[in-house]
C-alpha atoms as a PDB file:
ATOM      1  CA  UNK A   1      82.153 116.971 162.421  1.00  0.00           C
ATOM      2  CA  UNK A   2      80.444 118.992 164.834  1.00  0.00           C
ATOM      3  CA  UNK A   3      76.781 118.106 165.937  1.00  0.00           C
ATOM      4  CA  UNK A   4      74.528 120.514 167.962  1.00  0.00           C
ATOM      5  CA  UNK A   5      72.485 118.408 170.030  1.00  0.00           C
ATOM      6  CA  UNK A   6      70.873 118.318 173.799  1.00  0.00           C
ATOM      7  CA  UNK A   7      70.376 115.346 176.118  1.00  0.00           C
ATOM      8  CA  UNK A   8      66.748 115.580 174.996  1.00  0.00           C
ATOM      9  CA  UNK A   9      67.547 114.599 171.630  1.00  0.00           C
ATOM     10  CA  UNK A  10      69.019 110.773 172.721  1.00  0.00           C
ATOM     11  CA  UNK A  11      67.573 107.676 174.208  1.00  0.00           C
ATOM     12  CA  UNK A  12      68.961 106.002 177.029  1.00  0.00           C
ATOM     13  CA  UNK A  13      67.709 102.619 178.315  1.00  0.00           C
ATOM     14  CA  UNK A  14      66.615 102.428 181.782  1.00  0.00           C
ATOM     15  CA  UNK A  15      67.334  99.218 184.091  1.00  0.00           C
ATOM     16  CA  UNK A  16      63.795  99.497 185.636  1.00  0.00           C
ATOM     17  CA  UNK A  17      61.992  99.235 182.120  1.00  0.00           C
ATOM     18  CA  UNK A  18      64.464  96.326 180.748  1.00  0.00           C
ATOM     19  CA  UNK A  19      64.012  94.503 183.853  1.00  0.00           C
ATOM     20  CA  UNK A  20      60.522  94.743 183.487  1.00  0.00           C
ATOM     21  CA  UNK A  21      60.543  93.626 179.713  1.00  0.00           C
ATOM     22  CA  UNK A  22      62.871  90.612 180.776  1.00  0.00           C
ATOM     23  CA  UNK A  23      60.376  89.454 183.441  1.00  0.00           C
ATOM     24  CA  UNK A  24      57.439  89.759 181.007  1.00  0.00           C
ATOM     25  CA  UNK A  25      59.004  87.778 178.025  1.00  0.00           C
ATOM     26  CA  UNK A  26      61.434  85.274 179.762  1.00  0.00           C
ATOM     27  CA  UNK A  27      58.956  82.616 179.696  1.00  0.00           C
ATOM     28  CA  UNK A  28      57.895  83.081 176.245  1.00  0.00           C
ATOM     29  CA  UNK A  29      61.580  83.002 175.189  1.00  0.00           C
ATOM     30  CA  UNK A  30      62.199  80.013 176.961  1.00  0.00           C
ATOM     31  CA  UNK A  31      59.221  78.044 175.723  1.00  0.00           C
ATOM     32  CA  UNK A  32      59.375  79.112 172.136  1.00  0.00           C
ATOM     33  CA  UNK A  33      59.721  76.508 169.278  1.00  0.00           C
ATOM     34  CA  UNK A  34      61.731  75.544 167.092  1.00  0.00           C
ATOM     35  CA  UNK A  35      64.248  77.113 169.514  1.00  0.00           C
ATOM     36  CA  UNK A  36      64.530  80.110 172.186  1.00  0.00           C
ATOM     37  CA  UNK A  37      63.313  83.368 170.445  1.00  0.00           C
ATOM     38  CA  UNK A  38      60.952  86.308 170.922  1.00  0.00           C
ATOM     39  CA  UNK A  39      59.627  89.529 169.301  1.00  0.00           C
ATOM     40  CA  UNK A  40      59.138  92.411 171.503  1.00  0.00           C
ATOM     41  CA  UNK A  41      57.025  95.142 169.809  1.00  0.00           C
ATOM     42  CA  UNK A  42      57.241  99.088 170.448  1.00  0.00           C
ATOM     43  CA  UNK A  43      60.788  98.600 171.940  1.00  0.00           C
ATOM     44  CA  UNK A  44      61.638 101.885 171.717  1.00  0.00           C
ATOM     45  CA  UNK A  45      59.757 105.089 172.336  1.00  0.00           C
ATOM     46  CA  UNK A  46      57.746 106.172 169.074  1.00  0.00           C
ATOM     47  CA  UNK A  47      59.470 109.504 168.589  1.00  0.00           C
ATOM     48  CA  UNK A  48      62.876 107.757 169.155  1.00  0.00           C
ATOM     49  CA  UNK A  49      62.031 104.972 166.722  1.00  0.00           C
ATOM     50  CA  UNK A  50      60.812 107.263 164.147  1.00  0.00           C
ATOM     51  CA  UNK A  51      63.949 109.487 164.223  1.00  0.00           C
ATOM     52  CA  UNK A  52      66.191 106.425 163.981  1.00  0.00           C
ATOM     53  CA  UNK A  53      64.264 105.198 160.923  1.00  0.00           C
ATOM     54  CA  UNK A  54      64.884 108.987 159.339  1.00  0.00           C
ATOM     55  CA  UNK A  55      68.542 108.836 160.132  1.00  0.00           C
ATOM     56  CA  UNK A  56      69.053 105.180 158.550  1.00  0.00           C
ATOM     57  CA  UNK A  57      71.444 105.839 155.683  1.00  0.00           C
ATOM     58  CA  UNK A  58      70.006 105.426 152.191  1.00  0.00           C
ATOM     59  CA  UNK A  59      71.243 103.434 149.035  1.00  0.00           C
ATOM     60  CA  UNK A  60      73.793 106.109 148.034  1.00  0.00           C
ATOM     61  CA  UNK A  61      74.606 107.724 151.454  1.00  0.00           C
ATOM     62  CA  UNK A  62      77.304 105.510 152.588  1.00  0.00           C
ATOM     63  CA  UNK A  63      79.575 102.891 151.444  1.00  0.00           C
ATOM     64  CA  UNK A  64      77.466  99.709 151.693  1.00  0.00           C
ATOM     65  CA  UNK A  65      78.888  96.132 151.098  1.00  0.00           C
ATOM     66  CA  UNK A  66      76.648  94.039 149.044  1.00  0.00           C
ATOM     67  CA  UNK A  67      75.959  90.757 150.386  1.00  0.00           C
ATOM     68  CA  UNK A  68      73.182  89.331 148.284  1.00  0.00           C
ATOM     69  CA  UNK A  69      71.092  86.225 149.520  1.00  0.00           C
ATOM     70  CA  UNK A  70      73.734  83.604 150.375  1.00  0.00           C
ATOM     71  CA  UNK A  71      75.061  80.744 148.167  1.00  0.00           C
ATOM     72  CA  UNK A  72      72.931  81.320 145.266  1.00  0.00           C
ATOM     73  CA  UNK A  73      73.339  83.240 142.058  1.00  0.00           C
ATOM     74  CA  UNK A  74      71.804  86.694 142.094  1.00  0.00           C
ATOM     75  CA  UNK A  75      71.261  89.724 140.136  1.00  0.00           C
ATOM     76  CA  UNK A  76      74.129  91.758 141.772  1.00  0.00           C
ATOM     77  CA  UNK A  77      72.079  95.011 142.073  1.00  0.00           C
ATOM     78  CA  UNK A  78      72.126  96.805 145.331  1.00  0.00           C
ATOM     79  CA  UNK A  79      68.565  98.131 144.877  1.00  0.00           C
ATOM     80  CA  UNK A  80      67.363  94.583 145.206  1.00  0.00           C
ATOM     81  CA  UNK A  81      70.060  92.538 147.071  1.00  0.00           C
ATOM     82  CA  UNK A  82      71.024  92.803 150.902  1.00  0.00           C
ATOM     83  CA  UNK A  83      73.478  95.247 151.615  1.00  0.00           C
ATOM     84  CA  UNK A  84      75.357  95.806 154.882  1.00  0.00           C
ATOM     85  CA  UNK A  85      78.013  98.057 156.918  1.00  0.00           C
ATOM     86  CA  UNK A  86      79.873  97.234 160.007  1.00  0.00           C
ATOM     87  CA  UNK A  87      81.644 100.331 159.636  1.00  0.00           C
ATOM     88  CA  UNK A  88      80.899 102.348 162.789  1.00  0.00           C
ATOM     89  CA  UNK A  89      82.258 105.721 161.454  1.00  0.00           C
ATOM     90  CA  UNK A  90      79.620 105.358 158.510  1.00  0.00           C
ATOM     91  CA  UNK A  91      76.915 105.137 161.118  1.00  0.00           C
ATOM     92  CA  UNK A  92      74.655 108.168 161.277  1.00  0.00           C
ATOM     93  CA  UNK A  93      75.091 109.766 164.336  1.00  0.00           C
ATOM     94  CA  UNK A  94      71.822 108.915 166.394  1.00  0.00           C
ATOM     95  CA  UNK A  95      71.991 105.229 164.742  1.00  0.00           C
ATOM     96  CA  UNK A  96      75.654 105.047 166.065  1.00  0.00           C
ATOM     97  CA  UNK A  97      74.576 106.311 169.610  1.00  0.00           C
ATOM     98  CA  UNK A  98      71.488 103.437 169.705  1.00  0.00           C
ATOM     99  CA  UNK A  99      74.269 100.911 168.656  1.00  0.00           C
ATOM    100  CA  UNK A 100      75.981 101.919 171.446  1.00  0.00           C
ATOM    101  CA  UNK A 101      72.914 101.642 173.740  1.00  0.00           C
ATOM    102  CA  UNK A 102      72.393  98.130 172.567  1.00  0.00           C
ATOM    103  CA  UNK A 103      75.990  96.978 173.369  1.00  0.00           C
ATOM    104  CA  UNK A 104      75.688  98.869 176.937  1.00  0.00           C
ATOM    105  CA  UNK A 105      75.980  96.842 180.379  1.00  0.00           C
ATOM    106  CA  UNK A 106      72.299  97.838 180.929  1.00  0.00           C
ATOM    107  CA  UNK A 107      71.316  95.951 177.473  1.00  0.00           C
ATOM    108  CA  UNK A 108      73.638  92.864 178.054  1.00  0.00           C
ATOM    109  CA  UNK A 109      72.199  92.453 181.638  1.00  0.00           C
ATOM    110  CA  UNK A 110      68.748  92.650 180.199  1.00  0.00           C
ATOM    111  CA  UNK A 111      69.529  89.888 177.634  1.00  0.00           C
ATOM    112  CA  UNK A 112      71.036  87.877 180.579  1.00  0.00           C
ATOM    113  CA  UNK A 113      67.997  88.189 182.537  1.00  0.00           C
ATOM    114  CA  UNK A 114      65.528  87.430 179.592  1.00  0.00           C
ATOM    115  CA  UNK A 115      67.671  84.523 178.180  1.00  0.00           C
ATOM    116  CA  UNK A 116      68.896  82.748 181.556  1.00  0.00           C
ATOM    117  CA  UNK A 117      72.358  83.155 180.503  1.00  0.00           C
ATOM    118  CA  UNK A 118      75.291  84.647 182.379  1.00  0.00           C
ATOM    119  CA  UNK A 119      77.763  87.170 181.505  1.00  0.00           C
ATOM    120  CA  UNK A 120      76.714  87.658 177.546  1.00  0.00           C
ATOM    121  CA  UNK A 121      79.180  90.072 175.752  1.00  0.00           C
ATOM    122  CA  UNK A 122      78.634  92.594 173.160  1.00  0.00           C
ATOM    123  CA  UNK A 123      80.794  92.982 170.221  1.00  0.00           C
ATOM    124  CA  UNK A 124      81.818  96.683 169.604  1.00  0.00           C
ATOM    125  CA  UNK A 125      83.605  95.641 166.358  1.00  0.00           C
ATOM    126  CA  UNK A 126      80.521  94.508 164.700  1.00  0.00           C
ATOM    127  CA  UNK A 127      81.721  91.416 163.088  1.00  0.00           C
ATOM    128  CA  UNK A 128      79.294  90.480 160.850  1.00  0.00           C
ATOM    129  CA  UNK A 129      76.639  92.677 162.096  1.00  0.00           C
ATOM    130  CA  UNK A 130      75.835  96.389 162.223  1.00  0.00           C
ATOM    131  CA  UNK A 131      73.585  98.044 159.894  1.00  0.00           C
ATOM    132  CA  UNK A 132      71.473  95.748 157.143  1.00  0.00           C
ATOM    133  CA  UNK A 133      69.109  96.825 154.225  1.00  0.00           C
ATOM    134  CA  UNK A 134      67.214  94.853 151.575  1.00  0.00           C
ATOM    135  CA  UNK A 135      65.177  95.960 148.724  1.00  0.00           C
ATOM    136  CA  UNK A 136      62.117  94.871 147.024  1.00  0.00           C
ATOM    137  CA  UNK A 137      62.876  91.435 145.599  1.00  0.00           C
ATOM    138  CA  UNK A 138      65.656  90.617 148.285  1.00  0.00           C
ATOM    139  CA  UNK A 139      66.042  87.791 150.338  1.00  0.00           C
ATOM    140  CA  UNK A 140      68.401  85.859 152.483  1.00  0.00           C
ATOM    141  CA  UNK A 141      68.817  82.214 152.180  1.00  0.00           C
ATOM    142  CA  UNK A 142      67.881  79.988 155.164  1.00  0.00           C
ATOM    143  CA  UNK A 143      71.388  79.483 157.284  1.00  0.00           C
ATOM    144  CA  UNK A 144      73.078  78.775 160.189  1.00  0.00           C
ATOM    145  CA  UNK A 145      75.854  81.294 161.149  1.00  0.00           C
ATOM    146  CA  UNK A 146      79.354  81.089 160.985  1.00  0.00           C
ATOM    147  CA  UNK A 147      81.286  81.682 164.170  1.00  0.00           C
ATOM    148  CA  UNK A 148      81.687  85.445 163.617  1.00  0.00           C
ATOM    149  CA  UNK A 149      83.989  86.469 166.240  1.00  0.00           C
ATOM    150  CA  UNK A 150      87.892  85.999 165.403  1.00  0.00           C
ATOM    151  CA  UNK A 151      88.578  85.154 169.183  1.00  0.00           C
ATOM    152  CA  UNK A 152      87.947  81.041 168.846  1.00  0.00           C
ATOM    153  CA  UNK A 153      87.187  81.450 172.710  1.00  0.00           C
ATOM    154  CA  UNK A 154      83.903  83.372 172.295  1.00  0.00           C
ATOM    155  CA  UNK A 155      80.868  81.519 171.460  1.00  0.00           C
ATOM    156  CA  UNK A 156      77.915  83.357 169.849  1.00  0.00           C
ATOM    157  CA  UNK A 157      75.006  82.854 171.597  1.00  0.00           C
ATOM    158  CA  UNK A 158      72.288  85.430 171.106  1.00  0.00           C
ATOM    159  CA  UNK A 159      71.300  87.590 167.995  1.00  0.00           C
ATOM    160  CA  UNK A 160      69.198  90.732 167.987  1.00  0.00           C
ATOM    161  CA  UNK A 161      67.559  92.437 165.291  1.00  0.00           C
ATOM    162  CA  UNK A 162      65.883  95.732 165.525  1.00  0.00           C
ATOM    163  CA  UNK A 163      63.721  96.560 162.543  1.00  0.00           C
ATOM    164  CA  UNK A 164      63.516 100.398 161.569  1.00  0.00           C
ATOM    165  CA  UNK A 165      61.398 100.710 158.376  1.00  0.00           C
ATOM    166  CA  UNK A 166      58.171 102.806 159.296  1.00  0.00           C
ATOM    167  CA  UNK A 167      54.892 101.912 158.515  1.00  0.00           C
ATOM    168  CA  UNK A 168      55.699  98.305 157.649  1.00  0.00           C
ATOM    169  CA  UNK A 169      52.965  96.115 156.055  1.00  0.00           C
ATOM    170  CA  UNK A 170      52.960  92.472 156.589  1.00  0.00           C
ATOM    171  CA  UNK A 171      51.853  91.716 152.971  1.00  0.00           C
ATOM    172  CA  UNK A 172      55.129  92.945 151.973  1.00  0.00           C
ATOM    173  CA  UNK A 173      56.681  89.635 153.426  1.00  0.00           C
ATOM    174  CA  UNK A 174      60.316  89.681 154.546  1.00  0.00           C
ATOM    175  CA  UNK A 175      59.510  87.746 157.515  1.00  0.00           C
ATOM    176  CA  UNK A 176      62.592  86.280 159.502  1.00  0.00           C
ATOM    177  CA  UNK A 177      61.492  82.363 159.388  1.00  0.00           C
ATOM    178  CA  UNK A 178      62.989  80.092 162.027  1.00  0.00           C
ATOM    179  CA  UNK A 179      63.174  76.247 160.879  1.00  0.00           C
ATOM    180  CA  UNK A 180      63.227  73.096 162.323  1.00  0.00           C
ATOM    181  CA  UNK A 181      66.561  71.405 163.188  1.00  0.00           C
ATOM    182  CA  UNK A 182      66.301  69.369 159.798  1.00  0.00           C
ATOM    183  CA  UNK A 183      65.763  72.479 157.866  1.00  0.00           C
ATOM    184  CA  UNK A 184      62.448  70.953 156.469  1.00  0.00           C
ATOM    185  CA  UNK A 185      59.599  72.963 158.014  1.00  0.00           C
ATOM    186  CA  UNK A 186      59.360  76.738 159.182  1.00  0.00           C
ATOM    187  CA  UNK A 187      58.083  76.691 162.581  1.00  0.00           C
ATOM    188  CA  UNK A 188      57.911  80.283 163.468  1.00  0.00           C
ATOM    189  CA  UNK A 189      57.975  83.379 161.569  1.00  0.00           C
ATOM    190  CA  UNK A 190      58.716  87.111 162.810  1.00  0.00           C
ATOM    191  CA  UNK A 191      57.262  90.061 160.635  1.00  0.00           C
ATOM    192  CA  UNK A 192      60.146  92.611 160.359  1.00  0.00           C
ATOM    193  CA  UNK A 193      57.545  95.337 161.876  1.00  0.00           C
ATOM    194  CA  UNK A 194      58.739  98.922 162.697  1.00  0.00           C
ATOM    195  CA  UNK A 195      60.270  99.352 166.083  1.00  0.00           C
ATOM    196  CA  UNK A 196      60.252  95.603 167.005  1.00  0.00           C
ATOM    197  CA  UNK A 197      63.205  93.903 168.505  1.00  0.00           C
ATOM    198  CA  UNK A 198      63.406  89.875 167.730  1.00  0.00           C
ATOM    199  CA  UNK A 199      65.876  88.001 169.848  1.00  0.00           C
ATOM    200  CA  UNK A 200      66.726  84.451 169.227  1.00  0.00           C
ATOM    201  CA  UNK A 201      69.413  81.820 170.239  1.00  0.00           C
ATOM    202  CA  UNK A 202      71.985  80.712 167.996  1.00  0.00           C
ATOM    203  CA  UNK A 203      73.529  77.053 167.893  1.00  0.00           C
ATOM    204  CA  UNK A 204      74.255  74.455 165.398  1.00  0.00           C
ATOM    205  CA  UNK A 205      70.734  73.666 164.862  1.00  0.00           C
ATOM    206  CA  UNK A 206      69.364  77.187 164.575  1.00  0.00           C
ATOM    207  CA  UNK A 207      68.420  77.696 160.910  1.00  0.00           C
ATOM    208  CA  UNK A 208      66.864  80.888 159.910  1.00  0.00           C
ATOM    209  CA  UNK A 209      66.869  83.445 157.101  1.00  0.00           C
ATOM    210  CA  UNK A 210      64.351  85.294 154.782  1.00  0.00           C
ATOM    211  CA  UNK A 211      63.901  82.864 151.988  1.00  0.00           C
ATOM    212  CA  UNK A 212      61.316  84.648 149.988  1.00  0.00           C
ATOM    213  CA  UNK A 213      61.464  87.803 147.973  1.00  0.00           C
ATOM    214  CA  UNK A 214      60.388  90.961 149.732  1.00  0.00           C
ATOM    215  CA  UNK A 215      57.307  92.602 148.008  1.00  0.00           C
ATOM    216  CA  UNK A 216      57.851  95.942 149.030  1.00  0.00           C
ATOM    217  CA  UNK A 217      56.856  99.261 146.827  1.00  0.00           C
ATOM    218  CA  UNK A 218      59.764 100.791 144.985  1.00  0.00           C
ATOM    219  CA  UNK A 219      61.900 102.750 147.314  1.00  0.00           C
ATOM    220  CA  UNK A 220      61.084 100.894 150.413  1.00  0.00           C
ATOM    221  CA  UNK A 221      63.707  98.799 152.154  1.00  0.00           C
ATOM    222  CA  UNK A 222      63.683  96.463 154.984  1.00  0.00           C
ATOM    223  CA  UNK A 223      66.092  98.102 157.226  1.00  0.00           C
ATOM    224  CA  UNK A 224      67.480  96.842 160.516  1.00  0.00           C
ATOM    225  CA  UNK A 225      70.095  97.251 163.266  1.00  0.00           C
ATOM    226  CA  UNK A 226      71.912  93.784 163.762  1.00  0.00           C
ATOM    227  CA  UNK A 227      73.962  92.839 167.029  1.00  0.00           C
ATOM    228  CA  UNK A 228      75.393  89.737 168.038  1.00  0.00           C
ATOM    229  CA  UNK A 229      76.148  88.514 171.634  1.00  0.00           C
ATOM    230  CA  UNK A 230      78.919  86.146 172.951  1.00  0.00           C
ATOM    231  CA  UNK A 231      79.732  84.106 175.770  1.00  0.00           C
ATOM    232  CA  UNK A 232      83.457  83.474 177.197  1.00  0.00           C
ATOM    233  CA  UNK A 233      81.829  80.205 179.055  1.00  0.00           C
ATOM    234  CA  UNK A 234      81.987  76.885 177.639  1.00  0.00           C
ATOM    235  CA  UNK A 235      80.322  76.323 174.322  1.00  0.00           C
ATOM    236  CA  UNK A 236      76.951  75.046 175.350  1.00  0.00           C
ATOM    237  CA  UNK A 237      75.307  75.428 171.970  1.00  0.00           C
ATOM    238  CA  UNK A 238      77.009  73.006 170.100  1.00  0.00           C
ATOM    239  CA  UNK A 239      78.099  75.653 167.487  1.00  0.00           C
ATOM    240  CA  UNK A 240      82.281  74.657 167.729  1.00  0.00           C
ATOM    241  CA  UNK A 241      83.993  77.185 165.706  1.00  0.00           C
ATOM    242  CA  UNK A 242      83.602  77.461 162.055  1.00  0.00           C
ATOM    243  CA  UNK A 243      84.081  80.501 159.984  1.00  0.00           C
ATOM    244  CA  UNK A 244      81.745  79.536 157.497  1.00  0.00           C
ATOM    245  CA  UNK A 245      78.108  79.811 156.994  1.00  0.00           C
ATOM    246  CA  UNK A 246      75.958  76.914 156.378  1.00  0.00           C
ATOM    247  CA  UNK A 247      73.498  77.782 153.713  1.00  0.00           C
ATOM    248  CA  UNK A 248      70.451  75.726 152.948  1.00  0.00           C
ATOM    249  CA  UNK A 249      68.221  75.866 149.507  1.00  0.00           C
ATOM    250  CA  UNK A 250      64.735  75.577 150.540  1.00  0.00           C
ATOM    251  CA  UNK A 251      62.728  77.298 147.640  1.00  0.00           C
ATOM    252  CA  UNK A 252      62.770  77.877 143.945  1.00  0.00           C
ATOM    253  CA  UNK A 253      64.378  81.389 144.398  1.00  0.00           C
ATOM    254  CA  UNK A 254      67.546  79.381 145.519  1.00  0.00           C
ATOM    255  CA  UNK A 255      69.155  79.183 141.906  1.00  0.00           C
ATOM    256  CA  UNK A 256      72.155  77.416 142.358  1.00  0.00           C
ATOM    257  CA  UNK A 257      75.046  76.687 139.848  1.00  0.00           C
ATOM    258  CA  UNK A 258      77.048  73.383 139.686  1.00  0.00           C
ATOM    259  CA  UNK A 259      79.748  75.099 141.739  1.00  0.00           C
ATOM    260  CA  UNK A 260      77.086  76.113 144.537  1.00  0.00           C
ATOM    261  CA  UNK A 261      75.910  72.755 144.487  1.00  0.00           C
ATOM    262  CA  UNK A 262      79.694  71.420 145.071  1.00  0.00           C
ATOM    263  CA  UNK A 263      79.979  73.741 147.800  1.00  0.00           C
ATOM    264  CA  UNK A 264      77.082  72.598 149.688  1.00  0.00           C
ATOM    265  CA  UNK A 265      78.077  68.862 149.345  1.00  0.00           C
ATOM    266  CA  UNK A 266      81.676  69.847 150.867  1.00  0.00           C
ATOM    267  CA  UNK A 267      79.877  71.827 153.771  1.00  0.00           C
ATOM    268  CA  UNK A 268      77.682  68.751 154.720  1.00  0.00           C
ATOM    269  CA  UNK A 269      80.119  66.283 154.371  1.00  0.00           C
ATOM    270  CA  UNK A 270      83.617  67.775 154.723  1.00  0.00           C
ATOM    271  CA  UNK A 271      85.386  67.719 158.327  1.00  0.00           C
ATOM    272  CA  UNK A 272      84.890  71.389 159.906  1.00  0.00           C
ATOM    273  CA  UNK A 273      88.617  72.291 159.851  1.00  0.00           C
ATOM    274  CA  UNK A 274      88.814  71.501 156.082  1.00  0.00           C
ATOM    275  CA  UNK A 275      86.027  73.726 155.489  1.00  0.00           C
ATOM    276  CA  UNK A 276      87.316  76.394 157.770  1.00  0.00           C
ATOM    277  CA  UNK A 277      90.753  76.445 156.031  1.00  0.00           C
ATOM    278  CA  UNK A 278      88.968  76.400 152.436  1.00  0.00           C
ATOM    279  CA  UNK A 279      86.618  79.395 153.547  1.00  0.00           C
ATOM    280  CA  UNK A 280      89.677  81.128 155.100  1.00  0.00           C
ATOM    281  CA  UNK A 281      91.847  80.945 151.575  1.00  0.00           C
ATOM    282  CA  UNK A 282      88.634  81.912 149.571  1.00  0.00           C
ATOM    283  CA  UNK A 283      88.428  85.323 151.618  1.00  0.00           C
ATOM    284  CA  UNK A 284      92.254  85.538 151.719  1.00  0.00           C
ATOM    285  CA  UNK A 285      92.508  85.320 147.928  1.00  0.00           C
ATOM    286  CA  UNK A 286      89.403  87.536 147.351  1.00  0.00           C
ATOM    287  CA  UNK A 287      87.348  84.478 145.389  1.00  0.00           C
ATOM    288  CA  UNK A 288      83.781  85.153 145.349  1.00  0.00           C
ATOM    289  CA  UNK A 289      81.646  82.305 144.852  1.00  0.00           C
ATOM    290  CA  UNK A 290      78.335  83.886 145.706  1.00  0.00           C
ATOM    291  CA  UNK A 291      77.369  84.790 141.991  1.00  0.00           C
END
């Protein structure tokens, strides 16, 4: 595929601006509750943000993967449920370039400075991340992330979500909710406003999700670029290695079958190695317990 473009068509991060943002927000990030996080508005120049939004693939333009809301019964309708792709070849050129920028040395150094961590590593293979899109009525259950990377020596430390639906209205909902350690109360809520970058710490206690259905008008989706960052240092976040997501039912929308309830009991009480083995078996055999 040949694309005619000039250098003016792209946006590249600069060390000066990223350092300034890190210095501006590092205290807010460090002191946030229930765990470290921050939302940075107007992260990209307005014209570039709108071009990325315009390039974001539609429902039928690429081969999306149906994810759904998590460990809950759902409609199976891609117009409603969360869909994703981690396949870089499917990313539109402008989006693909922006994803590369988010994995650049400049951006990783920015995250180091913002989060007071050292040598955070990007994931160019997009394990579990990439492009995410949810339609009206869609949601994502409260959860704690799995250890996404197949290299067990890498510990997932930081998640970044860049929201790219233009002219987002707060009344549409879709907020990223951050809950307390016991998953009993939402402590902080981040609206998915256009051109906003959300950054938050990942740990064995960082419950997060979008547990309530979107209220967007027909045809408008909650679109985002999602990226995860790792450390090769000792696991200081208490994650351990788990290749399964811990889901938590917190609302009337989390409709769970008896099988879902059995799975929840196993996740809550079985040793992690046992659950890892069961999760690996389910994926290997193609079993789908999400519906």
